[in-house]
Amino acid sequence: MEDVDCCRRSFAASIKDTAARLLQDPSVAPRAVITERMNTCRICDKFNATTQICDVCLCFLPLKTTMANAACPIGKWVEFKK
């Protein structure tokens, strides 16, 4: 696994981090940003189309891409700042 800031050792750790980020800032990105993020993820070789989970950070991408304070662990998209 690549050594990046949000890499997890398990899916459970990813869920825990996602919950913490949502509690810290429950802001939702605009629909256009969410769509662009998901489209970027869908064409990425790290995207598992069956589970819709990123093979790098182990996040469930239909949820992660909605979070304003989330970012791609390999830099394909960044946090949404108002």
PDB file of N, CA and C in Angstrom:
ATOM      1  N   MET A   1       0.841  -1.193   0.000  1.00  0.00           N
ATOM      2  CA  MET A   1       0.000   0.000   0.000  1.00  0.00           C
ATOM      3  C   MET A   1       0.878   1.245   0.000  1.00  0.00           C
ATOM      4  N   GLU A   2       0.491   2.217  -0.752  1.00  0.00           N
ATOM      5  CA  GLU A   2       1.254   3.459  -0.823  1.00  0.00           C
ATOM      6  C   GLU A   2       1.208   4.182   0.523  1.00  0.00           C
ATOM      7  N   ASP A   3       2.277   4.887   0.851  1.00  0.00           N
ATOM      8  CA  ASP A   3       2.347   5.620   2.112  1.00  0.00           C
ATOM      9  C   ASP A   3       1.825   7.031   1.895  1.00  0.00           C
ATOM     10  N   VAL A   4       0.525   7.217   2.086  1.00  0.00           N
ATOM     11  CA  VAL A   4      -0.098   8.531   1.950  1.00  0.00           C
ATOM     12  C   VAL A   4      -0.840   8.861   3.232  1.00  0.00           C
ATOM     13  N   ASP A   5      -1.173  10.128   3.401  1.00  0.00           N
ATOM     14  CA  ASP A   5      -1.756  10.632   4.635  1.00  0.00           C
ATOM     15  C   ASP A   5      -2.999   9.884   5.103  1.00  0.00           C
ATOM     16  N   CYS A   6      -3.896   9.522   4.188  1.00  0.00           N
ATOM     17  CA  CYS A   6      -5.135   8.927   4.679  1.00  0.00           C
ATOM     18  C   CYS A   6      -5.220   7.423   4.447  1.00  0.00           C
ATOM     19  N   CYS A   7      -4.112   6.768   4.200  1.00  0.00           N
ATOM     20  CA  CYS A   7      -4.172   5.315   4.025  1.00  0.00           C
ATOM     21  C   CYS A   7      -4.585   4.636   5.320  1.00  0.00           C
ATOM     22  N   ARG A   8      -5.327   3.578   5.165  1.00  0.00           N
ATOM     23  CA  ARG A   8      -5.819   2.829   6.315  1.00  0.00           C
ATOM     24  C   ARG A   8      -5.259   1.415   6.258  1.00  0.00           C
ATOM     25  N   ARG A   9      -5.180   0.800   7.379  1.00  0.00           N
ATOM     26  CA  ARG A   9      -4.777  -0.598   7.438  1.00  0.00           C
ATOM     27  C   ARG A   9      -5.988  -1.513   7.334  1.00  0.00           C
ATOM     28  N   SER A  10      -7.192  -0.942   7.509  1.00  0.00           N
ATOM     29  CA  SER A  10      -8.395  -1.761   7.440  1.00  0.00           C
ATOM     30  C   SER A  10      -9.592  -0.916   7.034  1.00  0.00           C
ATOM     31  N   PHE A  11     -10.621  -1.583   6.558  1.00  0.00           N
ATOM     32  CA  PHE A  11     -11.856  -0.904   6.205  1.00  0.00           C
ATOM     33  C   PHE A  11     -12.479  -0.286   7.459  1.00  0.00           C
ATOM     34  N   ALA A  12     -12.378  -0.965   8.609  1.00  0.00           N
ATOM     35  CA  ALA A  12     -12.921  -0.433   9.867  1.00  0.00           C
ATOM     36  C   ALA A  12     -12.243   0.886  10.236  1.00  0.00           C
ATOM     37  N   ALA A  13     -10.938   0.979  10.040  1.00  0.00           N
ATOM     38  CA  ALA A  13     -10.224   2.223  10.334  1.00  0.00           C
ATOM     39  C   ALA A  13     -10.682   3.333   9.391  1.00  0.00           C
ATOM     40  N   SER A  14     -10.980   2.975   8.147  1.00  0.00           N
ATOM     41  CA  SER A  14     -11.476   3.960   7.191  1.00  0.00           C
ATOM     42  C   SER A  14     -12.835   4.496   7.630  1.00  0.00           C
ATOM     43  N   ILE A  15     -13.708   3.609   8.086  1.00  0.00           N
ATOM     44  CA  ILE A  15     -15.024   4.026   8.567  1.00  0.00           C
ATOM     45  C   ILE A  15     -14.888   4.957   9.769  1.00  0.00           C
ATOM     46  N   LYS A  16     -13.992   4.625  10.686  1.00  0.00           N
ATOM     47  CA  LYS A  16     -13.763   5.459  11.869  1.00  0.00           C
ATOM     48  C   LYS A  16     -13.277   6.849  11.473  1.00  0.00           C
ATOM     49  N   ASP A  17     -12.349   6.915  10.511  1.00  0.00           N
ATOM     50  CA  ASP A  17     -11.840   8.207  10.050  1.00  0.00           C
ATOM     51  C   ASP A  17     -12.933   9.008   9.349  1.00  0.00           C
ATOM     52  N   THR A  18     -13.749   8.347   8.540  1.00  0.00           N
ATOM     53  CA  THR A  18     -14.846   9.028   7.847  1.00  0.00           C
ATOM     54  C   THR A  18     -15.818   9.626   8.853  1.00  0.00           C
ATOM     55  N   ALA A  19     -16.169   8.861   9.883  1.00  0.00           N
ATOM     56  CA  ALA A  19     -17.073   9.364  10.918  1.00  0.00           C
ATOM     57  C   ALA A  19     -16.466  10.570  11.631  1.00  0.00           C
ATOM     58  N   ALA A  20     -15.185  10.514  11.937  1.00  0.00           N
ATOM     59  CA  ALA A  20     -14.514  11.636  12.606  1.00  0.00           C
ATOM     60  C   ALA A  20     -14.521  12.886  11.725  1.00  0.00           C
ATOM     61  N   ARG A  21     -14.278  12.711  10.423  1.00  0.00           N
ATOM     62  CA  ARG A  21     -14.294  13.858   9.504  1.00  0.00           C
ATOM     63  C   ARG A  21     -15.697  14.470   9.415  1.00  0.00           C
ATOM     64  N   LEU A  22     -16.721  13.610   9.392  1.00  0.00           N
ATOM     65  CA  LEU A  22     -18.092  14.111   9.334  1.00  0.00           C
ATOM     66  C   LEU A  22     -18.466  14.868  10.604  1.00  0.00           C
ATOM     67  N   LEU A  23     -18.002  14.385  11.755  1.00  0.00           N
ATOM     68  CA  LEU A  23     -18.272  15.090  13.016  1.00  0.00           C
ATOM     69  C   LEU A  23     -17.528  16.424  13.053  1.00  0.00           C
ATOM     70  N   GLN A  24     -16.313  16.449  12.524  1.00  0.00           N
ATOM     71  CA  GLN A  24     -15.505  17.671  12.497  1.00  0.00           C
ATOM     72  C   GLN A  24     -16.141  18.722  11.581  1.00  0.00           C
ATOM     73  N   ASP A  25     -16.610  18.279  10.424  1.00  0.00           N
ATOM     74  CA  ASP A  25     -17.199  19.206   9.459  1.00  0.00           C
ATOM     75  C   ASP A  25     -18.175  18.437   8.575  1.00  0.00           C
ATOM     76  N   PRO A  26     -19.474  18.561   8.850  1.00  0.00           N
ATOM     77  CA  PRO A  26     -20.463  17.821   8.063  1.00  0.00           C
ATOM     78  C   PRO A  26     -20.837  18.479   6.735  1.00  0.00           C
ATOM     79  N   SER A  27     -20.070  19.477   6.311  1.00  0.00           N
ATOM     80  CA  SER A  27     -20.375  20.184   5.065  1.00  0.00           C
ATOM     81  C   SER A  27     -20.339  19.233   3.866  1.00  0.00           C
ATOM     82  N   VAL A  28     -21.285  19.467   2.968  1.00  0.00           N
ATOM     83  CA  VAL A  28     -21.384  18.671   1.750  1.00  0.00           C
ATOM     84  C   VAL A  28     -20.880  19.515   0.579  1.00  0.00           C
ATOM     85  N   ALA A  29     -20.106  18.877  -0.272  1.00  0.00           N
ATOM     86  CA  ALA A  29     -19.614  19.564  -1.473  1.00  0.00           C
ATOM     87  C   ALA A  29     -20.779  19.808  -2.431  1.00  0.00           C
ATOM     88  N   PRO A  30     -20.673  20.807  -3.294  1.00  0.00           N
ATOM     89  CA  PRO A  30     -21.714  21.045  -4.296  1.00  0.00           C
ATOM     90  C   PRO A  30     -21.860  19.835  -5.239  1.00  0.00           C
ATOM     91  N   ARG A  31     -23.047  19.648  -5.754  1.00  0.00           N
ATOM     92  CA  ARG A  31     -23.353  18.512  -6.631  1.00  0.00           C
ATOM     93  C   ARG A  31     -22.353  18.395  -7.783  1.00  0.00           C
ATOM     94  N   ALA A  32     -21.984  19.492  -8.409  1.00  0.00           N
ATOM     95  CA  ALA A  32     -21.037  19.447  -9.527  1.00  0.00           C
ATOM     96  C   ALA A  32     -19.670  18.912  -9.081  1.00  0.00           C
ATOM     97  N   VAL A  33     -19.239  19.271  -7.886  1.00  0.00           N
ATOM     98  CA  VAL A  33     -17.965  18.792  -7.346  1.00  0.00           C
ATOM     99  C   VAL A  33     -18.057  17.297  -7.068  1.00  0.00           C
ATOM    100  N   ILE A  34     -19.157  16.861  -6.477  1.00  0.00           N
ATOM    101  CA  ILE A  34     -19.357  15.436  -6.181  1.00  0.00           C
ATOM    102  C   ILE A  34     -19.312  14.621  -7.474  1.00  0.00           C
ATOM    103  N   THR A  35     -20.015  15.086  -8.483  1.00  0.00           N
ATOM    104  CA  THR A  35     -20.052  14.385  -9.771  1.00  0.00           C
ATOM    105  C   THR A  35     -18.661  14.305 -10.387  1.00  0.00           C
ATOM    106  N   GLU A  36     -17.937  15.423 -10.372  1.00  0.00           N
ATOM    107  CA  GLU A  36     -16.584  15.438 -10.933  1.00  0.00           C
ATOM    108  C   GLU A  36     -15.665  14.486 -10.168  1.00  0.00           C
ATOM    109  N   ARG A  37     -15.755  14.482  -8.850  1.00  0.00           N
ATOM    110  CA  ARG A  37     -14.931  13.584  -8.037  1.00  0.00           C
ATOM    111  C   ARG A  37     -15.230  12.122  -8.375  1.00  0.00           C
ATOM    112  N   MET A  38     -16.522  11.757  -8.409  1.00  0.00           N
ATOM    113  CA  MET A  38     -16.880  10.368  -8.701  1.00  0.00           C
ATOM    114  C   MET A  38     -16.439   9.965 -10.096  1.00  0.00           C
ATOM    115  N   ASN A  39     -16.576  10.853 -11.054  1.00  0.00           N
ATOM    116  CA  ASN A  39     -16.124  10.544 -12.413  1.00  0.00           C
ATOM    117  C   ASN A  39     -14.618  10.308 -12.441  1.00  0.00           C
ATOM    118  N   THR A  40     -13.885  11.103 -11.682  1.00  0.00           N
ATOM    119  CA  THR A  40     -12.432  10.933 -11.583  1.00  0.00           C
ATOM    120  C   THR A  40     -12.111   9.577 -10.960  1.00  0.00           C
ATOM    121  N   CYS A  41     -12.822   9.228  -9.901  1.00  0.00           N
ATOM    122  CA  CYS A  41     -12.584   7.949  -9.233  1.00  0.00           C
ATOM    123  C   CYS A  41     -12.923   6.766 -10.137  1.00  0.00           C
ATOM    124  N   ARG A  42     -14.013   6.870 -10.858  1.00  0.00           N
ATOM    125  CA  ARG A  42     -14.448   5.751 -11.708  1.00  0.00           C
ATOM    126  C   ARG A  42     -13.426   5.381 -12.780  1.00  0.00           C
ATOM    127  N   ILE A  43     -12.644   6.341 -13.244  1.00  0.00           N
ATOM    128  CA  ILE A  43     -11.645   6.029 -14.272  1.00  0.00           C
ATOM    129  C   ILE A  43     -10.260   5.737 -13.683  1.00  0.00           C
ATOM    130  N   CYS A  44     -10.144   5.811 -12.376  1.00  0.00           N
ATOM    131  CA  CYS A  44      -8.873   5.550 -11.700  1.00  0.00           C
ATOM    132  C   CYS A  44      -8.650   4.039 -11.567  1.00  0.00           C
ATOM    133  N   ASP A  45      -7.396   3.606 -11.737  1.00  0.00           N
ATOM    134  CA  ASP A  45      -7.093   2.181 -11.618  1.00  0.00           C
ATOM    135  C   ASP A  45      -7.146   1.686 -10.166  1.00  0.00           C
ATOM    136  N   LYS A  46      -7.277   2.579  -9.215  1.00  0.00           N
ATOM    137  CA  LYS A  46      -7.384   2.210  -7.797  1.00  0.00           C
ATOM    138  C   LYS A  46      -8.845   2.021  -7.367  1.00  0.00           C
ATOM    139  N   PHE A  47      -9.790   2.302  -8.270  1.00  0.00           N
ATOM    140  CA  PHE A  47     -11.226   2.210  -7.975  1.00  0.00           C
ATOM    141  C   PHE A  47     -11.721   0.785  -8.195  1.00  0.00           C
ATOM    142  N   ASN A  48     -12.365   0.230  -7.173  1.00  0.00           N
ATOM    143  CA  ASN A  48     -12.980  -1.085  -7.296  1.00  0.00           C
ATOM    144  C   ASN A  48     -14.442  -0.865  -7.648  1.00  0.00           C
ATOM    145  N   ALA A  49     -14.807  -1.129  -8.877  1.00  0.00           N
ATOM    146  CA  ALA A  49     -16.168  -0.859  -9.356  1.00  0.00           C
ATOM    147  C   ALA A  49     -17.216  -1.725  -8.665  1.00  0.00           C
ATOM    148  N   THR A  50     -16.843  -2.907  -8.237  1.00  0.00           N
ATOM    149  CA  THR A  50     -17.794  -3.803  -7.572  1.00  0.00           C
ATOM    150  C   THR A  50     -18.194  -3.278  -6.199  1.00  0.00           C
ATOM    151  N   THR A  51     -17.201  -2.865  -5.415  1.00  0.00           N
ATOM    152  CA  THR A  51     -17.462  -2.401  -4.048  1.00  0.00           C
ATOM    153  C   THR A  51     -17.594  -0.885  -3.956  1.00  0.00           C
ATOM    154  N   GLN A  52     -17.115  -0.172  -4.976  1.00  0.00           N
ATOM    155  CA  GLN A  52     -17.030   1.284  -5.008  1.00  0.00           C
ATOM    156  C   GLN A  52     -16.131   1.822  -3.897  1.00  0.00           C
ATOM    157  N   ILE A  53     -15.099   1.040  -3.594  1.00  0.00           N
ATOM    158  CA  ILE A  53     -14.125   1.392  -2.566  1.00  0.00           C
ATOM    159  C   ILE A  53     -12.777   1.654  -3.233  1.00  0.00           C
ATOM    160  N   CYS A  54     -12.080   2.665  -2.741  1.00  0.00           N
ATOM    161  CA  CYS A  54     -10.736   2.985  -3.220  1.00  0.00           C
ATOM    162  C   CYS A  54      -9.748   1.965  -2.653  1.00  0.00           C
ATOM    163  N   ASP A  55      -8.909   1.401  -3.515  1.00  0.00           N
ATOM    164  CA  ASP A  55      -7.913   0.425  -3.068  1.00  0.00           C
ATOM    165  C   ASP A  55      -6.775   1.061  -2.275  1.00  0.00           C
ATOM    166  N   VAL A  56      -6.652   2.388  -2.307  1.00  0.00           N
ATOM    167  CA  VAL A  56      -5.585   3.067  -1.570  1.00  0.00           C
ATOM    168  C   VAL A  56      -6.043   3.421  -0.156  1.00  0.00           C
ATOM    169  N   CYS A  57      -7.141   4.169  -0.036  1.00  0.00           N
ATOM    170  CA  CYS A  57      -7.576   4.641   1.289  1.00  0.00           C
ATOM    171  C   CYS A  57      -8.678   3.778   1.897  1.00  0.00           C
ATOM    172  N   LEU A  58      -9.239   2.864   1.111  1.00  0.00           N
ATOM    173  CA  LEU A  58     -10.297   1.955   1.557  1.00  0.00           C
ATOM    174  C   LEU A  58     -11.598   2.667   1.902  1.00  0.00           C
ATOM    175  N   CYS A  59     -11.783   3.857   1.351  1.00  0.00           N
ATOM    176  CA  CYS A  59     -13.018   4.614   1.594  1.00  0.00           C
ATOM    177  C   CYS A  59     -14.103   4.214   0.604  1.00  0.00           C
ATOM    178  N   PHE A  60     -15.363   4.286   1.067  1.00  0.00           N
ATOM    179  CA  PHE A  60     -16.528   4.082   0.224  1.00  0.00           C
ATOM    180  C   PHE A  60     -16.752   5.390  -0.520  1.00  0.00           C
ATOM    181  N   LEU A  61     -16.446   5.405  -1.801  1.00  0.00           N
ATOM    182  CA  LEU A  61     -16.366   6.652  -2.557  1.00  0.00           C
ATOM    183  C   LEU A  61     -17.686   7.379  -2.773  1.00  0.00           C
ATOM    184  N   PRO A  62     -18.833   6.707  -2.898  1.00  0.00           N
ATOM    185  CA  PRO A  62     -20.075   7.471  -2.993  1.00  0.00           C
ATOM    186  C   PRO A  62     -20.332   8.346  -1.757  1.00  0.00           C
ATOM    187  N   LEU A  63     -19.762   7.986  -0.613  1.00  0.00           N
ATOM    188  CA  LEU A  63     -19.864   8.832   0.580  1.00  0.00           C
ATOM    189  C   LEU A  63     -18.715   9.842   0.619  1.00  0.00           C
ATOM    190  N   LYS A  64     -17.491   9.367   0.465  1.00  0.00           N
ATOM    191  CA  LYS A  64     -16.326  10.251   0.589  1.00  0.00           C
ATOM    192  C   LYS A  64     -16.389  11.424  -0.382  1.00  0.00           C
ATOM    193  N   THR A  65     -16.835  11.184  -1.603  1.00  0.00           N
ATOM    194  CA  THR A  65     -16.865  12.258  -2.601  1.00  0.00           C
ATOM    195  C   THR A  65     -17.877  13.354  -2.270  1.00  0.00           C
ATOM    196  N   THR A  66     -18.811  13.087  -1.365  1.00  0.00           N
ATOM    197  CA  THR A  66     -19.783  14.108  -0.963  1.00  0.00           C
ATOM    198  C   THR A  66     -19.243  15.025   0.129  1.00  0.00           C
ATOM    199  N   MET A  67     -18.220  14.587   0.826  1.00  0.00           N
ATOM    200  CA  MET A  67     -17.697  15.320   1.971  1.00  0.00           C
ATOM    201  C   MET A  67     -16.806  16.474   1.519  1.00  0.00           C
ATOM    202  N   ALA A  68     -17.152  17.692   1.919  1.00  0.00           N
ATOM    203  CA  ALA A  68     -16.378  18.869   1.513  1.00  0.00           C
ATOM    204  C   ALA A  68     -14.932  18.782   1.991  1.00  0.00           C
ATOM    205  N   ASN A  69     -14.696  18.213   3.183  1.00  0.00           N
ATOM    206  CA  ASN A  69     -13.350  18.182   3.757  1.00  0.00           C
ATOM    207  C   ASN A  69     -12.547  16.941   3.390  1.00  0.00           C
ATOM    208  N   ALA A  70     -12.994  16.183   2.402  1.00  0.00           N
ATOM    209  CA  ALA A  70     -12.266  14.992   1.966  1.00  0.00           C
ATOM    210  C   ALA A  70     -11.368  15.323   0.779  1.00  0.00           C
ATOM    211  N   ALA A  71     -10.350  14.494   0.595  1.00  0.00           N
ATOM    212  CA  ALA A  71      -9.435  14.642  -0.538  1.00  0.00           C
ATOM    213  C   ALA A  71      -8.968  13.267  -0.985  1.00  0.00           C
ATOM    214  N   CYS A  72      -8.600  13.160  -2.222  1.00  0.00           N
ATOM    215  CA  CYS A  72      -8.060  11.918  -2.767  1.00  0.00           C
ATOM    216  C   CYS A  72      -6.661  11.704  -2.183  1.00  0.00           C
ATOM    217  N   PRO A  73      -6.360  10.493  -1.709  1.00  0.00           N
ATOM    218  CA  PRO A  73      -5.046  10.252  -1.106  1.00  0.00           C
ATOM    219  C   PRO A  73      -3.890  10.293  -2.097  1.00  0.00           C
ATOM    220  N   ILE A  74      -4.187  10.207  -3.389  1.00  0.00           N
ATOM    221  CA  ILE A  74      -3.107  10.275  -4.379  1.00  0.00           C
ATOM    222  C   ILE A  74      -3.206  11.545  -5.218  1.00  0.00           C
ATOM    223  N   GLY A  75      -3.974  12.537  -4.711  1.00  0.00           N
ATOM    224  CA  GLY A  75      -3.991  13.873  -5.281  1.00  0.00           C
ATOM    225  C   GLY A  75      -4.830  14.091  -6.525  1.00  0.00           C
ATOM    226  N   LYS A  76      -5.754  13.201  -6.811  1.00  0.00           N
ATOM    227  CA  LYS A  76      -6.574  13.386  -8.016  1.00  0.00           C
ATOM    228  C   LYS A  76      -7.691  14.399  -7.819  1.00  0.00           C
ATOM    229  N   TRP A  77      -8.073  14.665  -6.579  1.00  0.00           N
ATOM    230  CA  TRP A  77      -9.002  15.752  -6.244  1.00  0.00           C
ATOM    231  C   TRP A  77      -8.735  16.186  -4.811  1.00  0.00           C
ATOM    232  N   VAL A  78      -9.078  17.454  -4.519  1.00  0.00           N
ATOM    233  CA  VAL A  78      -8.736  18.060  -3.222  1.00  0.00           C
ATOM    234  C   VAL A  78      -9.982  18.448  -2.443  1.00  0.00           C
ATOM    235  N   GLU A  79      -9.755  18.885  -1.201  1.00  0.00           N
ATOM    236  CA  GLU A  79     -10.858  19.376  -0.365  1.00  0.00           C
ATOM    237  C   GLU A  79     -11.565  20.535  -1.068  1.00  0.00           C
ATOM    238  N   PHE A  80     -12.868  20.627  -0.852  1.00  0.00           N
ATOM    239  CA  PHE A  80     -13.636  21.754  -1.394  1.00  0.00           C
ATOM    240  C   PHE A  80     -13.599  22.880  -0.386  1.00  0.00           C
ATOM    241  N   LYS A  81     -13.112  24.018  -0.808  1.00  0.00           N
ATOM    242  CA  LYS A  81     -13.067  25.226   0.038  1.00  0.00           C
ATOM    243  C   LYS A  81     -14.058  26.223  -0.531  1.00  0.00           C
ATOM    244  N   LYS A  82     -14.895  26.764   0.332  1.00  0.00           N
ATOM    245  CA  LYS A  82     -15.890  27.760  -0.119  1.00  0.00           C
ATOM    246  C   LYS A  82     -15.220  29.056  -0.451  1.00  0.00           C
TER     247      LYS A  82
END
